């Protein structure tokens, strides 16, 4: 299946069939999120992968449309940072130094540019910037899943306080941005038989 066929087949699944995604398929999908483009390489987010049936059941009341949660194989939760603490940035540069085998001090100009970027933004601006990075990850995960013939449904309709309490995130420093249910579509989901509706090219694309 080429990428246009995969994206053409993709839709936001309303009900999965409960089948579990094999690890050899799941892990490459997750790796696509890891390899996602990220401004300055900072990856101001974390990716929670809910695979426990017990936890999925606990999360059902947190969602306004719970059918996907009760039937999916895995639920991915993208959590964005509200701030970029100095120790987080320090860890980022230590990691660069280790992975690339370069002296930490050689990275000082890059470190300075990142510090300037952070200092010029308010806390709200930094959080919105982090959220945007999370949505790039979301797109990569959905695309990779489509290529693997795995179905998805991105969801923002959840009770923030409930999901954060259950997943034990820190509301002071981070926020659940968006979630993505993964699995295989149920034959009972009639939405799969509907034609995909998108803007015609002449209304969508402008060549300048």
C-alpha atoms as a PDB file:
ATOM      1  CA  UNK A   1       0.000   0.000   0.000  1.00  0.00           C
ATOM      2  CA  UNK A   2       1.488   3.378  -0.966  1.00  0.00           C
ATOM      3  CA  UNK A   3       1.100   6.425   1.237  1.00  0.00           C
ATOM      4  CA  UNK A   4      -1.824   7.965  -0.681  1.00  0.00           C
ATOM      5  CA  UNK A   5      -3.750   4.699  -0.519  1.00  0.00           C
ATOM      6  CA  UNK A   6      -3.012   4.449   3.197  1.00  0.00           C
ATOM      7  CA  UNK A   7      -4.186   8.001   3.860  1.00  0.00           C
ATOM      8  CA  UNK A   8      -7.229   7.495   1.661  1.00  0.00           C
ATOM      9  CA  UNK A   9      -8.189   4.436   3.715  1.00  0.00           C
ATOM     10  CA  UNK A  10      -7.621   6.249   6.997  1.00  0.00           C
ATOM     11  CA  UNK A  11     -10.536   7.749   8.900  1.00  0.00           C
ATOM     12  CA  UNK A  12     -11.250   8.554  12.537  1.00  0.00           C
ATOM     13  CA  UNK A  13     -12.519   5.222  13.794  1.00  0.00           C
ATOM     14  CA  UNK A  14     -15.584   5.357  16.030  1.00  0.00           C
ATOM     15  CA  UNK A  15     -15.397   1.756  17.203  1.00  0.00           C
ATOM     16  CA  UNK A  16     -12.504  -0.701  17.211  1.00  0.00           C
ATOM     17  CA  UNK A  17     -12.783  -4.493  17.254  1.00  0.00           C
ATOM     18  CA  UNK A  18     -10.679  -5.016  20.400  1.00  0.00           C
ATOM     19  CA  UNK A  19      -7.821  -6.820  18.627  1.00  0.00           C
ATOM     20  CA  UNK A  20      -4.408  -6.077  20.148  1.00  0.00           C
ATOM     21  CA  UNK A  21      -1.706  -4.618  17.911  1.00  0.00           C
ATOM     22  CA  UNK A  22       1.386  -6.881  17.862  1.00  0.00           C
ATOM     23  CA  UNK A  23       4.518  -5.334  19.342  1.00  0.00           C
ATOM     24  CA  UNK A  24       6.412  -5.707  16.073  1.00  0.00           C
ATOM     25  CA  UNK A  25       3.868  -3.350  14.499  1.00  0.00           C
ATOM     26  CA  UNK A  26       3.274  -1.053  17.481  1.00  0.00           C
ATOM     27  CA  UNK A  27       6.927  -0.233  18.163  1.00  0.00           C
ATOM     28  CA  UNK A  28       7.738   1.154  14.683  1.00  0.00           C
ATOM     29  CA  UNK A  29       4.658   3.381  14.977  1.00  0.00           C
ATOM     30  CA  UNK A  30       5.920   4.688  18.311  1.00  0.00           C
ATOM     31  CA  UNK A  31       9.373   5.145  16.805  1.00  0.00           C
ATOM     32  CA  UNK A  32       7.839   7.461  14.197  1.00  0.00           C
ATOM     33  CA  UNK A  33       6.710   9.685  17.058  1.00  0.00           C
ATOM     34  CA  UNK A  34      10.200   9.628  18.525  1.00  0.00           C
ATOM     35  CA  UNK A  35      11.670  10.641  15.160  1.00  0.00           C
ATOM     36  CA  UNK A  36       9.161  13.462  14.701  1.00  0.00           C
ATOM     37  CA  UNK A  37      10.436  16.919  13.796  1.00  0.00           C
ATOM     38  CA  UNK A  38      10.777  19.074  16.908  1.00  0.00           C
ATOM     39  CA  UNK A  39      11.679  22.754  17.087  1.00  0.00           C
ATOM     40  CA  UNK A  40      15.256  23.100  18.363  1.00  0.00           C
ATOM     41  CA  UNK A  41      15.188  19.352  18.944  1.00  0.00           C
ATOM     42  CA  UNK A  42      13.896  19.911  22.480  1.00  0.00           C
ATOM     43  CA  UNK A  43      10.905  17.532  22.298  1.00  0.00           C
ATOM     44  CA  UNK A  44       8.905  19.487  24.925  1.00  0.00           C
ATOM     45  CA  UNK A  45       6.494  16.623  25.500  1.00  0.00           C
ATOM     46  CA  UNK A  46       6.235  13.050  26.640  1.00  0.00           C
ATOM     47  CA  UNK A  47       4.280  10.174  25.144  1.00  0.00           C
ATOM     48  CA  UNK A  48       2.249   7.926  27.437  1.00  0.00           C
ATOM     49  CA  UNK A  49       1.210   4.585  25.950  1.00  0.00           C
ATOM     50  CA  UNK A  50      -1.770   3.094  27.773  1.00  0.00           C
ATOM     51  CA  UNK A  51      -1.934  -0.634  27.077  1.00  0.00           C
ATOM     52  CA  UNK A  52      -3.328  -1.928  30.376  1.00  0.00           C
ATOM     53  CA  UNK A  53      -6.954  -3.013  30.038  1.00  0.00           C
ATOM     54  CA  UNK A  54      -7.521  -1.920  33.630  1.00  0.00           C
ATOM     55  CA  UNK A  55      -6.249   1.597  32.979  1.00  0.00           C
ATOM     56  CA  UNK A  56      -8.244   1.902  29.762  1.00  0.00           C
ATOM     57  CA  UNK A  57     -11.373   0.989  31.703  1.00  0.00           C
ATOM     58  CA  UNK A  58     -10.569   3.605  34.334  1.00  0.00           C
ATOM     59  CA  UNK A  59     -10.111   6.228  31.625  1.00  0.00           C
ATOM     60  CA  UNK A  60     -13.503   5.647  29.972  1.00  0.00           C
ATOM     61  CA  UNK A  61     -15.350   8.217  32.175  1.00  0.00           C
ATOM     62  CA  UNK A  62     -12.736  10.851  31.240  1.00  0.00           C
ATOM     63  CA  UNK A  63     -13.867  10.876  27.586  1.00  0.00           C
ATOM     64  CA  UNK A  64     -17.013  12.436  26.175  1.00  0.00           C
ATOM     65  CA  UNK A  65     -17.172   9.755  23.447  1.00  0.00           C
ATOM     66  CA  UNK A  66     -15.859   6.650  25.218  1.00  0.00           C
ATOM     67  CA  UNK A  67     -16.528   3.984  22.562  1.00  0.00           C
ATOM     68  CA  UNK A  68     -13.005   4.269  21.153  1.00  0.00           C
ATOM     69  CA  UNK A  69     -11.380   3.913  24.596  1.00  0.00           C
ATOM     70  CA  UNK A  70     -13.394   0.834  25.479  1.00  0.00           C
ATOM     71  CA  UNK A  71     -12.522  -0.967  22.237  1.00  0.00           C
ATOM     72  CA  UNK A  72      -9.041   0.231  21.204  1.00  0.00           C
ATOM     73  CA  UNK A  73      -5.812  -1.727  21.484  1.00  0.00           C
ATOM     74  CA  UNK A  74      -3.693   1.147  22.811  1.00  0.00           C
ATOM     75  CA  UNK A  75      -4.283   4.749  23.806  1.00  0.00           C
ATOM     76  CA  UNK A  76      -1.490   7.231  23.220  1.00  0.00           C
ATOM     77  CA  UNK A  77      -1.545  10.347  25.384  1.00  0.00           C
ATOM     78  CA  UNK A  78       0.590  13.333  24.377  1.00  0.00           C
ATOM     79  CA  UNK A  79       1.580  15.505  27.328  1.00  0.00           C
ATOM     80  CA  UNK A  80       3.085  18.937  26.608  1.00  0.00           C
ATOM     81  CA  UNK A  81       5.428  20.805  28.922  1.00  0.00           C
ATOM     82  CA  UNK A  82       4.198  24.135  30.262  1.00  0.00           C
ATOM     83  CA  UNK A  83       7.721  25.386  30.872  1.00  0.00           C
ATOM     84  CA  UNK A  84      11.295  24.552  29.930  1.00  0.00           C
ATOM     85  CA  UNK A  85      13.179  24.255  33.194  1.00  0.00           C
ATOM     86  CA  UNK A  86      16.925  24.778  33.213  1.00  0.00           C
ATOM     87  CA  UNK A  87      17.563  21.196  34.313  1.00  0.00           C
ATOM     88  CA  UNK A  88      15.509  19.968  31.323  1.00  0.00           C
ATOM     89  CA  UNK A  89      17.648  21.983  28.924  1.00  0.00           C
ATOM     90  CA  UNK A  90      20.802  20.821  30.744  1.00  0.00           C
ATOM     91  CA  UNK A  91      19.748  17.212  30.236  1.00  0.00           C
ATOM     92  CA  UNK A  92      19.113  17.865  26.561  1.00  0.00           C
ATOM     93  CA  UNK A  93      22.646  19.137  26.013  1.00  0.00           C
ATOM     94  CA  UNK A  94      24.218  16.335  28.022  1.00  0.00           C
ATOM     95  CA  UNK A  95      22.363  13.920  25.778  1.00  0.00           C
ATOM     96  CA  UNK A  96      23.602  15.658  22.603  1.00  0.00           C
ATOM     97  CA  UNK A  97      27.156  15.511  23.936  1.00  0.00           C
ATOM     98  CA  UNK A  98      26.862  11.784  24.679  1.00  0.00           C
ATOM     99  CA  UNK A  99      25.129  10.775  21.436  1.00  0.00           C
ATOM    100  CA  UNK A 100      27.357  12.795  19.126  1.00  0.00           C
ATOM    101  CA  UNK A 101      30.556  12.349  21.127  1.00  0.00           C
ATOM    102  CA  UNK A 102      31.340  16.062  21.253  1.00  0.00           C
ATOM    103  CA  UNK A 103      32.555  18.213  24.174  1.00  0.00           C
ATOM    104  CA  UNK A 104      29.697  19.900  26.040  1.00  0.00           C
ATOM    105  CA  UNK A 105      31.380  23.302  25.720  1.00  0.00           C
ATOM    106  CA  UNK A 106      31.322  23.060  21.920  1.00  0.00           C
ATOM    107  CA  UNK A 107      27.539  23.309  22.179  1.00  0.00           C
ATOM    108  CA  UNK A 108      27.588  26.608  24.071  1.00  0.00           C
ATOM    109  CA  UNK A 109      26.510  28.769  21.073  1.00  0.00           C
ATOM    110  CA  UNK A 110      23.504  26.526  20.485  1.00  0.00           C
ATOM    111  CA  UNK A 111      22.722  26.554  24.200  1.00  0.00           C
ATOM    112  CA  UNK A 112      22.831  30.343  24.198  1.00  0.00           C
ATOM    113  CA  UNK A 113      20.403  30.571  21.272  1.00  0.00           C
ATOM    114  CA  UNK A 114      17.962  28.266  23.030  1.00  0.00           C
ATOM    115  CA  UNK A 115      18.193  30.286  26.239  1.00  0.00           C
ATOM    116  CA  UNK A 116      17.412  33.441  24.271  1.00  0.00           C
ATOM    117  CA  UNK A 117      14.444  31.724  22.646  1.00  0.00           C
ATOM    118  CA  UNK A 118      13.068  30.702  26.048  1.00  0.00           C
ATOM    119  CA  UNK A 119      13.709  34.083  27.669  1.00  0.00           C
ATOM    120  CA  UNK A 120      11.860  35.938  24.917  1.00  0.00           C
ATOM    121  CA  UNK A 121       8.641  33.979  25.438  1.00  0.00           C
ATOM    122  CA  UNK A 122       6.056  34.096  28.183  1.00  0.00           C
ATOM    123  CA  UNK A 123       4.990  30.902  29.936  1.00  0.00           C
ATOM    124  CA  UNK A 124       1.786  30.818  27.876  1.00  0.00           C
ATOM    125  CA  UNK A 125       3.749  31.277  24.645  1.00  0.00           C
ATOM    126  CA  UNK A 126       6.127  28.459  25.573  1.00  0.00           C
ATOM    127  CA  UNK A 127       3.209  26.160  26.331  1.00  0.00           C
ATOM    128  CA  UNK A 128       1.464  26.914  23.032  1.00  0.00           C
ATOM    129  CA  UNK A 129       4.771  26.294  21.247  1.00  0.00           C
ATOM    130  CA  UNK A 130       5.098  22.930  23.020  1.00  0.00           C
ATOM    131  CA  UNK A 131       1.537  22.002  22.083  1.00  0.00           C
ATOM    132  CA  UNK A 132       2.291  22.658  18.423  1.00  0.00           C
ATOM    133  CA  UNK A 133       5.231  20.264  18.645  1.00  0.00           C
ATOM    134  CA  UNK A 134       2.933  17.608  20.124  1.00  0.00           C
ATOM    135  CA  UNK A 135       0.576  17.885  17.171  1.00  0.00           C
ATOM    136  CA  UNK A 136       3.462  17.242  14.779  1.00  0.00           C
ATOM    137  CA  UNK A 137       4.063  14.013  16.725  1.00  0.00           C
ATOM    138  CA  UNK A 138       0.353  13.194  16.465  1.00  0.00           C
ATOM    139  CA  UNK A 139       0.431  13.566  12.681  1.00  0.00           C
ATOM    140  CA  UNK A 140       3.494  11.314  12.395  1.00  0.00           C
ATOM    141  CA  UNK A 141       1.890   8.637  14.563  1.00  0.00           C
ATOM    142  CA  UNK A 142      -1.307   8.683  12.499  1.00  0.00           C
ATOM    143  CA  UNK A 143       0.617   8.535   9.236  1.00  0.00           C
ATOM    144  CA  UNK A 144       2.846   5.665  10.374  1.00  0.00           C
ATOM    145  CA  UNK A 145      -0.162   3.777  11.693  1.00  0.00           C
ATOM    146  CA  UNK A 146      -1.946   4.165   8.350  1.00  0.00           C
ATOM    147  CA  UNK A 147       1.077   2.716   6.548  1.00  0.00           C
ATOM    148  CA  UNK A 148       1.033  -0.223   8.989  1.00  0.00           C
ATOM    149  CA  UNK A 149      -2.680  -0.784   8.281  1.00  0.00           C
ATOM    150  CA  UNK A 150      -3.496   0.220  11.874  1.00  0.00           C
ATOM    151  CA  UNK A 151      -6.523   2.408  12.482  1.00  0.00           C
ATOM    152  CA  UNK A 152      -6.592   5.516  14.656  1.00  0.00           C
ATOM    153  CA  UNK A 153      -8.810   8.165  16.157  1.00  0.00           C
ATOM    154  CA  UNK A 154      -7.356  11.439  17.490  1.00  0.00           C
ATOM    155  CA  UNK A 155      -9.349  12.813  20.429  1.00  0.00           C
ATOM    156  CA  UNK A 156      -9.392  16.113  22.289  1.00  0.00           C
ATOM    157  CA  UNK A 157     -12.777  15.571  23.925  1.00  0.00           C
ATOM    158  CA  UNK A 158     -11.830  14.578  27.451  1.00  0.00           C
ATOM    159  CA  UNK A 159     -12.080  15.889  30.996  1.00  0.00           C
ATOM    160  CA  UNK A 160      -8.665  17.323  31.700  1.00  0.00           C
ATOM    161  CA  UNK A 161      -8.793  16.942  35.467  1.00  0.00           C
ATOM    162  CA  UNK A 162      -9.904  13.315  35.357  1.00  0.00           C
ATOM    163  CA  UNK A 163      -7.348  12.141  32.825  1.00  0.00           C
ATOM    164  CA  UNK A 164      -4.503  13.997  34.579  1.00  0.00           C
ATOM    165  CA  UNK A 165      -5.413  12.496  37.941  1.00  0.00           C
ATOM    166  CA  UNK A 166      -5.621   8.964  36.570  1.00  0.00           C
ATOM    167  CA  UNK A 167      -2.346   9.244  34.657  1.00  0.00           C
ATOM    168  CA  UNK A 168      -0.652  11.111  37.517  1.00  0.00           C
ATOM    169  CA  UNK A 169       0.675  13.957  35.412  1.00  0.00           C
ATOM    170  CA  UNK A 170       1.801  17.206  37.036  1.00  0.00           C
ATOM    171  CA  UNK A 171      -0.723  19.963  36.170  1.00  0.00           C
ATOM    172  CA  UNK A 172       1.735  22.629  37.336  1.00  0.00           C
ATOM    173  CA  UNK A 173       4.379  21.788  34.752  1.00  0.00           C
ATOM    174  CA  UNK A 174       2.582  19.842  32.010  1.00  0.00           C
ATOM    175  CA  UNK A 175      -0.776  19.325  30.351  1.00  0.00           C
ATOM    176  CA  UNK A 176      -2.427  16.532  28.391  1.00  0.00           C
ATOM    177  CA  UNK A 177      -2.744  17.993  24.892  1.00  0.00           C
ATOM    178  CA  UNK A 178      -4.348  15.302  22.756  1.00  0.00           C
ATOM    179  CA  UNK A 179      -4.890  11.558  22.702  1.00  0.00           C
ATOM    180  CA  UNK A 180      -4.795   8.944  19.948  1.00  0.00           C
ATOM    181  CA  UNK A 181      -6.611   5.620  20.042  1.00  0.00           C
ATOM    182  CA  UNK A 182      -4.998   2.797  18.055  1.00  0.00           C
ATOM    183  CA  UNK A 183      -6.455  -0.487  16.929  1.00  0.00           C
ATOM    184  CA  UNK A 184      -8.381  -2.157  14.151  1.00  0.00           C
ATOM    185  CA  UNK A 185     -11.767  -0.964  12.930  1.00  0.00           C
ATOM    186  CA  UNK A 186     -14.893  -2.871  13.834  1.00  0.00           C
ATOM    187  CA  UNK A 187     -17.126  -4.111  11.051  1.00  0.00           C
ATOM    188  CA  UNK A 188     -19.955  -2.436  12.977  1.00  0.00           C
ATOM    189  CA  UNK A 189     -18.436   1.014  12.424  1.00  0.00           C
ATOM    190  CA  UNK A 190     -20.395   2.241   9.419  1.00  0.00           C
ATOM    191  CA  UNK A 191     -18.216   5.353   9.039  1.00  0.00           C
ATOM    192  CA  UNK A 192     -15.618   3.245   7.223  1.00  0.00           C
ATOM    193  CA  UNK A 193     -18.016   2.853   4.297  1.00  0.00           C
ATOM    194  CA  UNK A 194     -18.566   6.561   3.756  1.00  0.00           C
ATOM    195  CA  UNK A 195     -16.657   8.422   1.070  1.00  0.00           C
ATOM    196  CA  UNK A 196     -13.959  10.747   2.361  1.00  0.00           C
ATOM    197  CA  UNK A 197     -14.962  14.391   1.912  1.00  0.00           C
ATOM    198  CA  UNK A 198     -12.205  16.939   1.341  1.00  0.00           C
ATOM    199  CA  UNK A 199     -11.964  20.312  -0.393  1.00  0.00           C
ATOM    200  CA  UNK A 200     -11.383  20.091  -4.159  1.00  0.00           C
ATOM    201  CA  UNK A 201      -7.870  21.005  -5.254  1.00  0.00           C
ATOM    202  CA  UNK A 202      -8.885  24.366  -6.722  1.00  0.00           C
ATOM    203  CA  UNK A 203     -10.252  25.482  -3.357  1.00  0.00           C
ATOM    204  CA  UNK A 204      -7.461  24.048  -1.260  1.00  0.00           C
ATOM    205  CA  UNK A 205      -4.245  24.723  -3.154  1.00  0.00           C
ATOM    206  CA  UNK A 206      -2.943  28.079  -4.320  1.00  0.00           C
ATOM    207  CA  UNK A 207       0.220  28.073  -6.415  1.00  0.00           C
ATOM    208  CA  UNK A 208       2.106  31.346  -6.174  1.00  0.00           C
END
